[in-house]
Amino acid sequence: MEQSLGYIIEALPNLMRGALVTLQLTAFSVFLGLIGGTLMGIARLSRFRPLAWATRIYIDFFRGTPLLVQIFIIYFGLPAVMRAAFGVAFSLDRLTAAVLALSLNATAYLAEIVRGGIQSIESGQHEAAESLGLGPAQTMRYVIFPQAFRRMIPPLGNEFITLLKDTSLVAVIGFEDLFRQGQLIVARNYRSFEIYLTVALVYLVLNTLSSQVFILLERWMDPVQRAKRQQKQAASPKSQPEVMS
């Protein structure tokens, strides 16, 4: 037992570095995916049929194929196509390939989350915005999307956690995230059970903390909770005006 604990303690610094890389990769991919997913989700609702169908094809492809296959297509397939079709010596470094694959995959899932969030807003909101003289772009920006975003927070949190776990797949191209660091450590000390169990626990901690962050964000954006906070602030002694004696 003491020997196993010693191996775990020795491996923790490298695993923590890998965990930091995993968090950075996840955050960056979700950020890019949210931008792309927002645009894709809005395009999915477009009345211009070719654009809506092209968006649907993209979403169906990336949601309907394994992420591992997508990573291989981008890291190994794209350079091969560039060399064969254009005679260009093209290659992607591991970080670029990992971010590109994860972002494209996240875009497809986030597009459906955005589309569902927008469609969940009552039609009366659109009519009210039109009655105030707002155009379609202004209605989406100032009225529809802020309300939809609050409703999208729970599924966005789920997607973030899913993507955080899926980052382990980029280890197949040698990207040194948390899981890859665990593999390298096992290759040196052959203590697979202790190291992989520690890796699993680190993922569990990261996912638990991420879940709590999204729960706090959801509470902070809840209008009911916000109104209660404002009432408490208004009723607090500091907010009461001082009475002159």
C-alpha atoms as a PDB file:
ATOM      1  CA  MET A   1       0.000   0.000   0.000  1.00  0.00           C
ATOM      2  CA  GLU A   2       2.764   2.434   0.926  1.00  0.00           C
ATOM      3  CA  GLN A   3       4.615   1.564  -2.279  1.00  0.00           C
ATOM      4  CA  SER A   4       1.517   2.231  -4.372  1.00  0.00           C
ATOM      5  CA  LEU A   5       0.974   5.550  -2.608  1.00  0.00           C
ATOM      6  CA  GLY A   6       4.577   6.473  -3.314  1.00  0.00           C
ATOM      7  CA  TYR A   7       4.111   5.837  -7.036  1.00  0.00           C
ATOM      8  CA  ILE A   8       0.971   7.982  -7.038  1.00  0.00           C
ATOM      9  CA  ILE A   9       2.646  10.871  -5.207  1.00  0.00           C
ATOM     10  CA  GLU A  10       5.596  10.698  -7.593  1.00  0.00           C
ATOM     11  CA  ALA A  11       3.272  10.799 -10.604  1.00  0.00           C
ATOM     12  CA  LEU A  12       1.061  13.675  -9.376  1.00  0.00           C
ATOM     13  CA  PRO A  13       3.199  16.604 -10.677  1.00  0.00           C
ATOM     14  CA  ASN A  14       3.123  15.267 -14.245  1.00  0.00           C
ATOM     15  CA  LEU A  15      -0.559  14.414 -13.963  1.00  0.00           C
ATOM     16  CA  MET A  16      -1.338  17.927 -12.729  1.00  0.00           C
ATOM     17  CA  ARG A  17       0.483  19.398 -15.717  1.00  0.00           C
ATOM     18  CA  GLY A  18      -1.540  17.116 -17.953  1.00  0.00           C
ATOM     19  CA  ALA A  19      -4.749  18.162 -16.170  1.00  0.00           C
ATOM     20  CA  LEU A  20      -3.932  21.823 -16.822  1.00  0.00           C
ATOM     21  CA  VAL A  21      -3.364  21.071 -20.510  1.00  0.00           C
ATOM     22  CA  THR A  22      -6.674  19.167 -20.597  1.00  0.00           C
ATOM     23  CA  LEU A  23      -8.551  22.117 -19.075  1.00  0.00           C
ATOM     24  CA  GLN A  24      -6.952  24.582 -21.478  1.00  0.00           C
ATOM     25  CA  LEU A  25      -7.733  22.366 -24.458  1.00  0.00           C
ATOM     26  CA  THR A  26     -11.335  21.930 -23.325  1.00  0.00           C
ATOM     27  CA  ALA A  27     -11.907  25.632 -22.637  1.00  0.00           C
ATOM     28  CA  PHE A  28     -10.382  26.694 -25.943  1.00  0.00           C
ATOM     29  CA  SER A  29     -12.354  24.098 -27.907  1.00  0.00           C
ATOM     30  CA  VAL A  30     -15.638  24.998 -26.186  1.00  0.00           C
ATOM     31  CA  PHE A  31     -15.004  28.708 -26.814  1.00  0.00           C
ATOM     32  CA  LEU A  32     -14.420  28.152 -30.539  1.00  0.00           C
ATOM     33  CA  GLY A  33     -17.233  25.621 -30.658  1.00  0.00           C
ATOM     34  CA  LEU A  34     -19.636  28.075 -29.028  1.00  0.00           C
ATOM     35  CA  ILE A  35     -18.843  30.710 -31.642  1.00  0.00           C
ATOM     36  CA  GLY A  36     -19.267  28.228 -34.474  1.00  0.00           C
ATOM     37  CA  GLY A  37     -22.261  26.589 -32.825  1.00  0.00           C
ATOM     38  CA  THR A  38     -24.048  29.922 -32.393  1.00  0.00           C
ATOM     39  CA  LEU A  39     -23.587  30.750 -36.056  1.00  0.00           C
ATOM     40  CA  MET A  40     -24.562  27.219 -37.097  1.00  0.00           C
ATOM     41  CA  GLY A  41     -27.594  27.194 -34.815  1.00  0.00           C
ATOM     42  CA  ILE A  42     -28.876  30.468 -36.260  1.00  0.00           C
ATOM     43  CA  ALA A  43     -28.128  29.270 -39.802  1.00  0.00           C
ATOM     44  CA  ARG A  44     -30.037  26.069 -39.039  1.00  0.00           C
ATOM     45  CA  LEU A  45     -33.136  28.226 -38.526  1.00  0.00           C
ATOM     46  CA  SER A  46     -32.589  30.214 -41.722  1.00  0.00           C
ATOM     47  CA  ARG A  47     -35.365  30.396 -44.255  1.00  0.00           C
ATOM     48  CA  PHE A  48     -32.726  30.127 -46.979  1.00  0.00           C
ATOM     49  CA  ARG A  49     -33.078  26.396 -47.621  1.00  0.00           C
ATOM     50  CA  PRO A  50     -29.592  25.669 -49.088  1.00  0.00           C
ATOM     51  CA  LEU A  51     -27.943  27.216 -46.015  1.00  0.00           C
ATOM     52  CA  ALA A  52     -30.203  25.299 -43.625  1.00  0.00           C
ATOM     53  CA  TRP A  53     -29.550  22.008 -45.431  1.00  0.00           C
ATOM     54  CA  ALA A  54     -25.778  22.575 -45.590  1.00  0.00           C
ATOM     55  CA  THR A  55     -25.782  23.243 -41.852  1.00  0.00           C
ATOM     56  CA  ARG A  56     -27.803  20.104 -41.208  1.00  0.00           C
ATOM     57  CA  ILE A  57     -25.371  17.991 -43.253  1.00  0.00           C
ATOM     58  CA  TYR A  58     -22.458  19.342 -41.207  1.00  0.00           C
ATOM     59  CA  ILE A  59     -24.235  18.659 -37.913  1.00  0.00           C
ATOM     60  CA  ASP A  60     -25.310  15.147 -38.934  1.00  0.00           C
ATOM     61  CA  PHE A  61     -21.779  14.262 -40.073  1.00  0.00           C
ATOM     62  CA  PHE A  62     -19.988  15.353 -36.913  1.00  0.00           C
ATOM     63  CA  ARG A  63     -22.662  13.997 -34.582  1.00  0.00           C
ATOM     64  CA  GLY A  64     -22.995  10.750 -36.511  1.00  0.00           C
ATOM     65  CA  THR A  65     -19.319   9.776 -36.728  1.00  0.00           C
ATOM     66  CA  PRO A  66     -16.931   8.898 -33.879  1.00  0.00           C
ATOM     67  CA  LEU A  67     -14.709  11.680 -32.581  1.00  0.00           C
ATOM     68  CA  LEU A  68     -11.711   9.351 -32.784  1.00  0.00           C
ATOM     69  CA  VAL A  69     -12.274   8.938 -36.538  1.00  0.00           C
ATOM     70  CA  GLN A  70     -12.561  12.723 -36.920  1.00  0.00           C
ATOM     71  CA  ILE A  71      -9.218  13.188 -35.137  1.00  0.00           C
ATOM     72  CA  PHE A  72      -7.567  10.719 -37.513  1.00  0.00           C
ATOM     73  CA  ILE A  73      -9.138  12.406 -40.560  1.00  0.00           C
ATOM     74  CA  ILE A  74      -7.807  15.805 -39.517  1.00  0.00           C
ATOM     75  CA  TYR A  75      -4.367  14.762 -38.265  1.00  0.00           C
ATOM     76  CA  PHE A  76      -3.534  12.088 -40.854  1.00  0.00           C
ATOM     77  CA  GLY A  77      -6.095  12.562 -43.630  1.00  0.00           C
ATOM     78  CA  LEU A  78      -5.861  16.295 -44.358  1.00  0.00           C
ATOM     79  CA  PRO A  79      -2.056  16.309 -44.945  1.00  0.00           C
ATOM     80  CA  ALA A  80      -2.406  13.254 -47.208  1.00  0.00           C
ATOM     81  CA  VAL A  81      -5.145  14.943 -49.261  1.00  0.00           C
ATOM     82  CA  MET A  82      -3.126  18.138 -49.594  1.00  0.00           C
ATOM     83  CA  ARG A  83      -0.095  16.231 -50.821  1.00  0.00           C
ATOM     84  CA  ALA A  84      -2.084  14.080 -53.252  1.00  0.00           C
ATOM     85  CA  ALA A  85      -4.353  16.801 -54.645  1.00  0.00           C
ATOM     86  CA  PHE A  86      -2.084  19.839 -54.658  1.00  0.00           C
ATOM     87  CA  GLY A  87       1.416  18.462 -54.150  1.00  0.00           C
ATOM     88  CA  VAL A  88       1.789  20.608 -51.034  1.00  0.00           C
ATOM     89  CA  ALA A  89       3.846  19.372 -48.091  1.00  0.00           C
ATOM     90  CA  PHE A  90       1.278  20.091 -45.417  1.00  0.00           C
ATOM     91  CA  SER A  91       1.216  18.947 -41.804  1.00  0.00           C
ATOM     92  CA  LEU A  92      -0.600  19.832 -38.594  1.00  0.00           C
ATOM     93  CA  ASP A  93       1.018  19.940 -35.197  1.00  0.00           C
ATOM     94  CA  ARG A  94      -0.695  17.973 -32.428  1.00  0.00           C
ATOM     95  CA  LEU A  95      -2.156  21.004 -30.665  1.00  0.00           C
ATOM     96  CA  THR A  96      -3.700  22.450 -33.823  1.00  0.00           C
ATOM     97  CA  ALA A  97      -5.124  19.086 -34.850  1.00  0.00           C
ATOM     98  CA  ALA A  98      -6.546  18.449 -31.372  1.00  0.00           C
ATOM     99  CA  VAL A  99      -8.187  21.878 -31.090  1.00  0.00           C
ATOM    100  CA  LEU A 100      -9.527  21.696 -34.649  1.00  0.00           C
ATOM    101  CA  ALA A 101     -11.057  18.242 -34.199  1.00  0.00           C
ATOM    102  CA  LEU A 102     -12.597  18.998 -30.809  1.00  0.00           C
ATOM    103  CA  SER A 103     -13.887  22.409 -31.911  1.00  0.00           C
ATOM    104  CA  LEU A 104     -15.512  21.070 -35.067  1.00  0.00           C
ATOM    105  CA  ASN A 105     -17.127  18.274 -33.093  1.00  0.00           C
ATOM    106  CA  ALA A 106     -18.311  20.628 -30.341  1.00  0.00           C
ATOM    107  CA  THR A 107     -19.704  23.032 -32.947  1.00  0.00           C
ATOM    108  CA  ALA A 108     -22.138  20.384 -34.186  1.00  0.00           C
ATOM    109  CA  TYR A 109     -23.479  19.618 -30.707  1.00  0.00           C
ATOM    110  CA  LEU A 110     -23.553  23.249 -29.589  1.00  0.00           C
ATOM    111  CA  ALA A 111     -25.411  24.233 -32.775  1.00  0.00           C
ATOM    112  CA  GLU A 112     -28.284  21.989 -31.765  1.00  0.00           C
ATOM    113  CA  ILE A 113     -28.203  23.368 -28.216  1.00  0.00           C
ATOM    114  CA  VAL A 114     -28.362  26.926 -29.574  1.00  0.00           C
ATOM    115  CA  ARG A 115     -31.142  26.041 -32.010  1.00  0.00           C
ATOM    116  CA  GLY A 116     -33.179  24.417 -29.252  1.00  0.00           C
ATOM    117  CA  GLY A 117     -32.613  27.368 -26.932  1.00  0.00           C
ATOM    118  CA  ILE A 118     -33.738  29.892 -29.533  1.00  0.00           C
ATOM    119  CA  GLN A 119     -36.812  27.885 -30.469  1.00  0.00           C
ATOM    120  CA  SER A 120     -37.786  27.577 -26.803  1.00  0.00           C
ATOM    121  CA  ILE A 121     -38.452  31.332 -26.600  1.00  0.00           C
ATOM    122  CA  GLU A 122     -42.131  32.160 -26.994  1.00  0.00           C
ATOM    123  CA  SER A 123     -43.234  33.732 -30.271  1.00  0.00           C
ATOM    124  CA  GLY A 124     -44.711  36.634 -28.317  1.00  0.00           C
ATOM    125  CA  GLN A 125     -41.165  37.834 -27.616  1.00  0.00           C
ATOM    126  CA  HIS A 126     -40.577  38.257 -31.347  1.00  0.00           C
ATOM    127  CA  GLU A 127     -43.865  40.110 -31.751  1.00  0.00           C
ATOM    128  CA  ALA A 128     -43.094  42.398 -28.821  1.00  0.00           C
ATOM    129  CA  ALA A 129     -39.670  43.221 -30.263  1.00  0.00           C
ATOM    130  CA  GLU A 130     -41.212  43.993 -33.667  1.00  0.00           C
ATOM    131  CA  SER A 131     -43.783  46.270 -32.034  1.00  0.00           C
ATOM    132  CA  LEU A 132     -40.881  48.226 -30.521  1.00  0.00           C
ATOM    133  CA  GLY A 133     -39.383  48.720 -33.957  1.00  0.00           C
ATOM    134  CA  LEU A 134     -36.464  46.275 -33.576  1.00  0.00           C
ATOM    135  CA  GLY A 135     -35.142  44.560 -36.674  1.00  0.00           C
ATOM    136  CA  PRO A 136     -34.459  40.802 -36.885  1.00  0.00           C
ATOM    137  CA  ALA A 137     -30.781  41.173 -35.930  1.00  0.00           C
ATOM    138  CA  GLN A 138     -31.570  43.487 -33.003  1.00  0.00           C
ATOM    139  CA  THR A 139     -34.361  41.181 -31.836  1.00  0.00           C
ATOM    140  CA  MET A 140     -31.987  38.238 -31.818  1.00  0.00           C
ATOM    141  CA  ARG A 141     -29.203  40.159 -30.091  1.00  0.00           C
ATOM    142  CA  TYR A 142     -31.113  42.043 -27.410  1.00  0.00           C
ATOM    143  CA  VAL A 143     -34.272  40.003 -26.809  1.00  0.00           C
ATOM    144  CA  ILE A 144     -34.119  36.378 -27.933  1.00  0.00           C
ATOM    145  CA  PHE A 145     -30.521  35.271 -27.449  1.00  0.00           C
ATOM    146  CA  PRO A 146     -30.040  36.577 -23.852  1.00  0.00           C
ATOM    147  CA  GLN A 147     -33.122  34.634 -22.738  1.00  0.00           C
ATOM    148  CA  ALA A 148     -32.136  31.573 -24.759  1.00  0.00           C
ATOM    149  CA  PHE A 149     -28.601  31.593 -23.366  1.00  0.00           C
ATOM    150  CA  ARG A 150     -29.889  31.274 -19.798  1.00  0.00           C
ATOM    151  CA  ARG A 151     -31.851  28.188 -20.835  1.00  0.00           C
ATOM    152  CA  MET A 152     -28.833  26.781 -22.658  1.00  0.00           C
ATOM    153  CA  ILE A 153     -26.558  26.786 -19.593  1.00  0.00           C
ATOM    154  CA  PRO A 154     -27.430  23.246 -18.334  1.00  0.00           C
ATOM    155  CA  PRO A 155     -26.840  21.549 -21.721  1.00  0.00           C
ATOM    156  CA  LEU A 156     -23.753  23.717 -22.240  1.00  0.00           C
ATOM    157  CA  GLY A 157     -22.421  22.411 -18.941  1.00  0.00           C
ATOM    158  CA  ASN A 158     -23.096  18.850 -20.051  1.00  0.00           C
ATOM    159  CA  GLU A 159     -21.277  19.443 -23.325  1.00  0.00           C
ATOM    160  CA  PHE A 160     -18.294  20.969 -21.517  1.00  0.00           C
ATOM    161  CA  ILE A 161     -18.019  17.920 -19.244  1.00  0.00           C
ATOM    162  CA  THR A 162     -18.423  15.532 -22.179  1.00  0.00           C
ATOM    163  CA  LEU A 163     -15.752  17.344 -24.148  1.00  0.00           C
ATOM    164  CA  LEU A 164     -13.427  17.389 -21.141  1.00  0.00           C
ATOM    165  CA  LYS A 165     -13.617  13.593 -21.015  1.00  0.00           C
ATOM    166  CA  ASP A 166     -13.323  13.273 -24.801  1.00  0.00           C
ATOM    167  CA  THR A 167     -10.001  15.117 -24.755  1.00  0.00           C
ATOM    168  CA  SER A 168      -8.478  11.810 -23.672  1.00  0.00           C
ATOM    169  CA  LEU A 169      -8.890  10.640 -27.270  1.00  0.00           C
ATOM    170  CA  VAL A 170      -6.235  13.071 -28.538  1.00  0.00           C
ATOM    171  CA  ALA A 171      -3.663  10.892 -26.771  1.00  0.00           C
ATOM    172  CA  VAL A 172      -3.748   8.681 -29.892  1.00  0.00           C
ATOM    173  CA  ILE A 173      -1.849  11.374 -31.815  1.00  0.00           C
ATOM    174  CA  GLY A 174       0.645  11.865 -28.999  1.00  0.00           C
ATOM    175  CA  PHE A 175      -0.839  15.021 -27.492  1.00  0.00           C
ATOM    176  CA  GLU A 176       0.305  15.137 -23.877  1.00  0.00           C
ATOM    177  CA  ASP A 177      -2.912  15.751 -22.019  1.00  0.00           C
ATOM    178  CA  LEU A 178      -3.868  14.149 -18.711  1.00  0.00           C
ATOM    179  CA  PHE A 179      -4.487  10.686 -20.136  1.00  0.00           C
ATOM    180  CA  ARG A 180      -1.311  10.732 -22.238  1.00  0.00           C
ATOM    181  CA  GLN A 181       0.719  11.720 -19.189  1.00  0.00           C
ATOM    182  CA  GLY A 182      -0.723   8.696 -17.430  1.00  0.00           C
ATOM    183  CA  GLN A 183       0.295   6.463 -20.324  1.00  0.00           C
ATOM    184  CA  LEU A 184       3.847   7.798 -20.266  1.00  0.00           C
ATOM    185  CA  ILE A 185       4.120   7.237 -16.519  1.00  0.00           C
ATOM    186  CA  VAL A 186       2.821   3.663 -16.820  1.00  0.00           C
ATOM    187  CA  ALA A 187       5.368   3.007 -19.577  1.00  0.00           C
ATOM    188  CA  ARG A 188       8.104   3.886 -17.062  1.00  0.00           C
ATOM    189  CA  ASN A 189       6.952   2.219 -13.850  1.00  0.00           C
ATOM    190  CA  TYR A 190       4.420  -0.415 -15.076  1.00  0.00           C
ATOM    191  CA  ARG A 191       2.012   0.486 -12.252  1.00  0.00           C
ATOM    192  CA  SER A 192      -1.044   0.647 -14.498  1.00  0.00           C
ATOM    193  CA  PHE A 193      -3.753   0.176 -11.845  1.00  0.00           C
ATOM    194  CA  GLU A 194      -2.538   2.887  -9.482  1.00  0.00           C
ATOM    195  CA  ILE A 195      -1.765   5.421 -12.210  1.00  0.00           C
ATOM    196  CA  TYR A 196      -4.923   4.939 -14.277  1.00  0.00           C
ATOM    197  CA  LEU A 197      -7.048   5.007 -11.117  1.00  0.00           C
ATOM    198  CA  THR A 198      -5.404   8.317 -10.202  1.00  0.00           C
ATOM    199  CA  VAL A 199      -6.050   9.622 -13.719  1.00  0.00           C
ATOM    200  CA  ALA A 200      -9.729   8.656 -13.355  1.00  0.00           C
ATOM    201  CA  LEU A 201      -9.960  10.457 -10.010  1.00  0.00           C
ATOM    202  CA  VAL A 202      -8.378  13.604 -11.465  1.00  0.00           C
ATOM    203  CA  TYR A 203     -10.956  13.551 -14.282  1.00  0.00           C
ATOM    204  CA  LEU A 204     -13.677  13.109 -11.659  1.00  0.00           C
ATOM    205  CA  VAL A 205     -12.453  16.130  -9.706  1.00  0.00           C
ATOM    206  CA  LEU A 206     -12.234  18.274 -12.852  1.00  0.00           C
ATOM    207  CA  ASN A 207     -15.736  17.289 -13.932  1.00  0.00           C
ATOM    208  CA  THR A 208     -17.181  17.881 -10.463  1.00  0.00           C
ATOM    209  CA  LEU A 209     -15.635  21.352 -10.234  1.00  0.00           C
ATOM    210  CA  SER A 210     -16.794  22.203 -13.767  1.00  0.00           C
ATOM    211  CA  SER A 211     -20.314  21.074 -12.902  1.00  0.00           C
ATOM    212  CA  GLN A 212     -20.355  23.311  -9.834  1.00  0.00           C
ATOM    213  CA  VAL A 213     -19.195  26.305 -11.889  1.00  0.00           C
ATOM    214  CA  PHE A 214     -22.099  25.876 -14.315  1.00  0.00           C
ATOM    215  CA  ILE A 215     -24.558  25.416 -11.430  1.00  0.00           C
ATOM    216  CA  LEU A 216     -23.385  28.701  -9.899  1.00  0.00           C
ATOM    217  CA  LEU A 217     -23.609  30.403 -13.297  1.00  0.00           C
ATOM    218  CA  GLU A 218     -27.147  29.118 -13.765  1.00  0.00           C
ATOM    219  CA  ARG A 219     -28.174  30.422 -10.329  1.00  0.00           C
ATOM    220  CA  TRP A 220     -26.515  33.771 -10.960  1.00  0.00           C
ATOM    221  CA  MET A 221     -28.427  34.217 -14.246  1.00  0.00           C
ATOM    222  CA  ASP A 222     -31.747  33.021 -12.806  1.00  0.00           C
ATOM    223  CA  PRO A 223     -34.044  36.101 -12.771  1.00  0.00           C
ATOM    224  CA  VAL A 224     -35.906  34.820  -9.695  1.00  0.00           C
ATOM    225  CA  GLN A 225     -32.696  34.403  -7.727  1.00  0.00           C
ATOM    226  CA  ARG A 226     -31.463  37.758  -9.005  1.00  0.00           C
ATOM    227  CA  ALA A 227     -34.642  39.466  -7.792  1.00  0.00           C
ATOM    228  CA  LYS A 228     -34.218  37.854  -4.370  1.00  0.00           C
ATOM    229  CA  ARG A 229     -30.617  39.087  -4.174  1.00  0.00           C
ATOM    230  CA  GLN A 230     -31.720  42.599  -5.052  1.00  0.00           C
ATOM    231  CA  GLN A 231     -34.437  42.487  -2.394  1.00  0.00           C
ATOM    232  CA  LYS A 232     -31.931  41.332   0.219  1.00  0.00           C
ATOM    233  CA  GLN A 233     -29.544  44.110  -0.754  1.00  0.00           C
ATOM    234  CA  ALA A 234     -32.332  46.672  -0.572  1.00  0.00           C
ATOM    235  CA  ALA A 235     -33.401  45.390   2.854  1.00  0.00           C
ATOM    236  CA  SER A 236     -29.894  45.223   4.291  1.00  0.00           C
ATOM    237  CA  PRO A 237     -29.011  47.817   6.985  1.00  0.00           C
ATOM    238  CA  LYS A 238     -26.239  49.290   4.873  1.00  0.00           C
ATOM    239  CA  SER A 239     -28.717  50.156   2.134  1.00  0.00           C
ATOM    240  CA  GLN A 240     -31.070  51.966   4.543  1.00  0.00           C
ATOM    241  CA  PRO A 241     -30.655  55.774   4.637  1.00  0.00           C
ATOM    242  CA  GLU A 242     -29.330  57.122   7.885  1.00  0.00           C
ATOM    243  CA  VAL A 243     -31.858  59.044   9.996  1.00  0.00           C
ATOM    244  CA  MET A 244     -30.626  62.423  11.122  1.00  0.00           C
ATOM    245  CA  SER A 245     -30.997  62.888  14.908  1.00  0.00           C
END
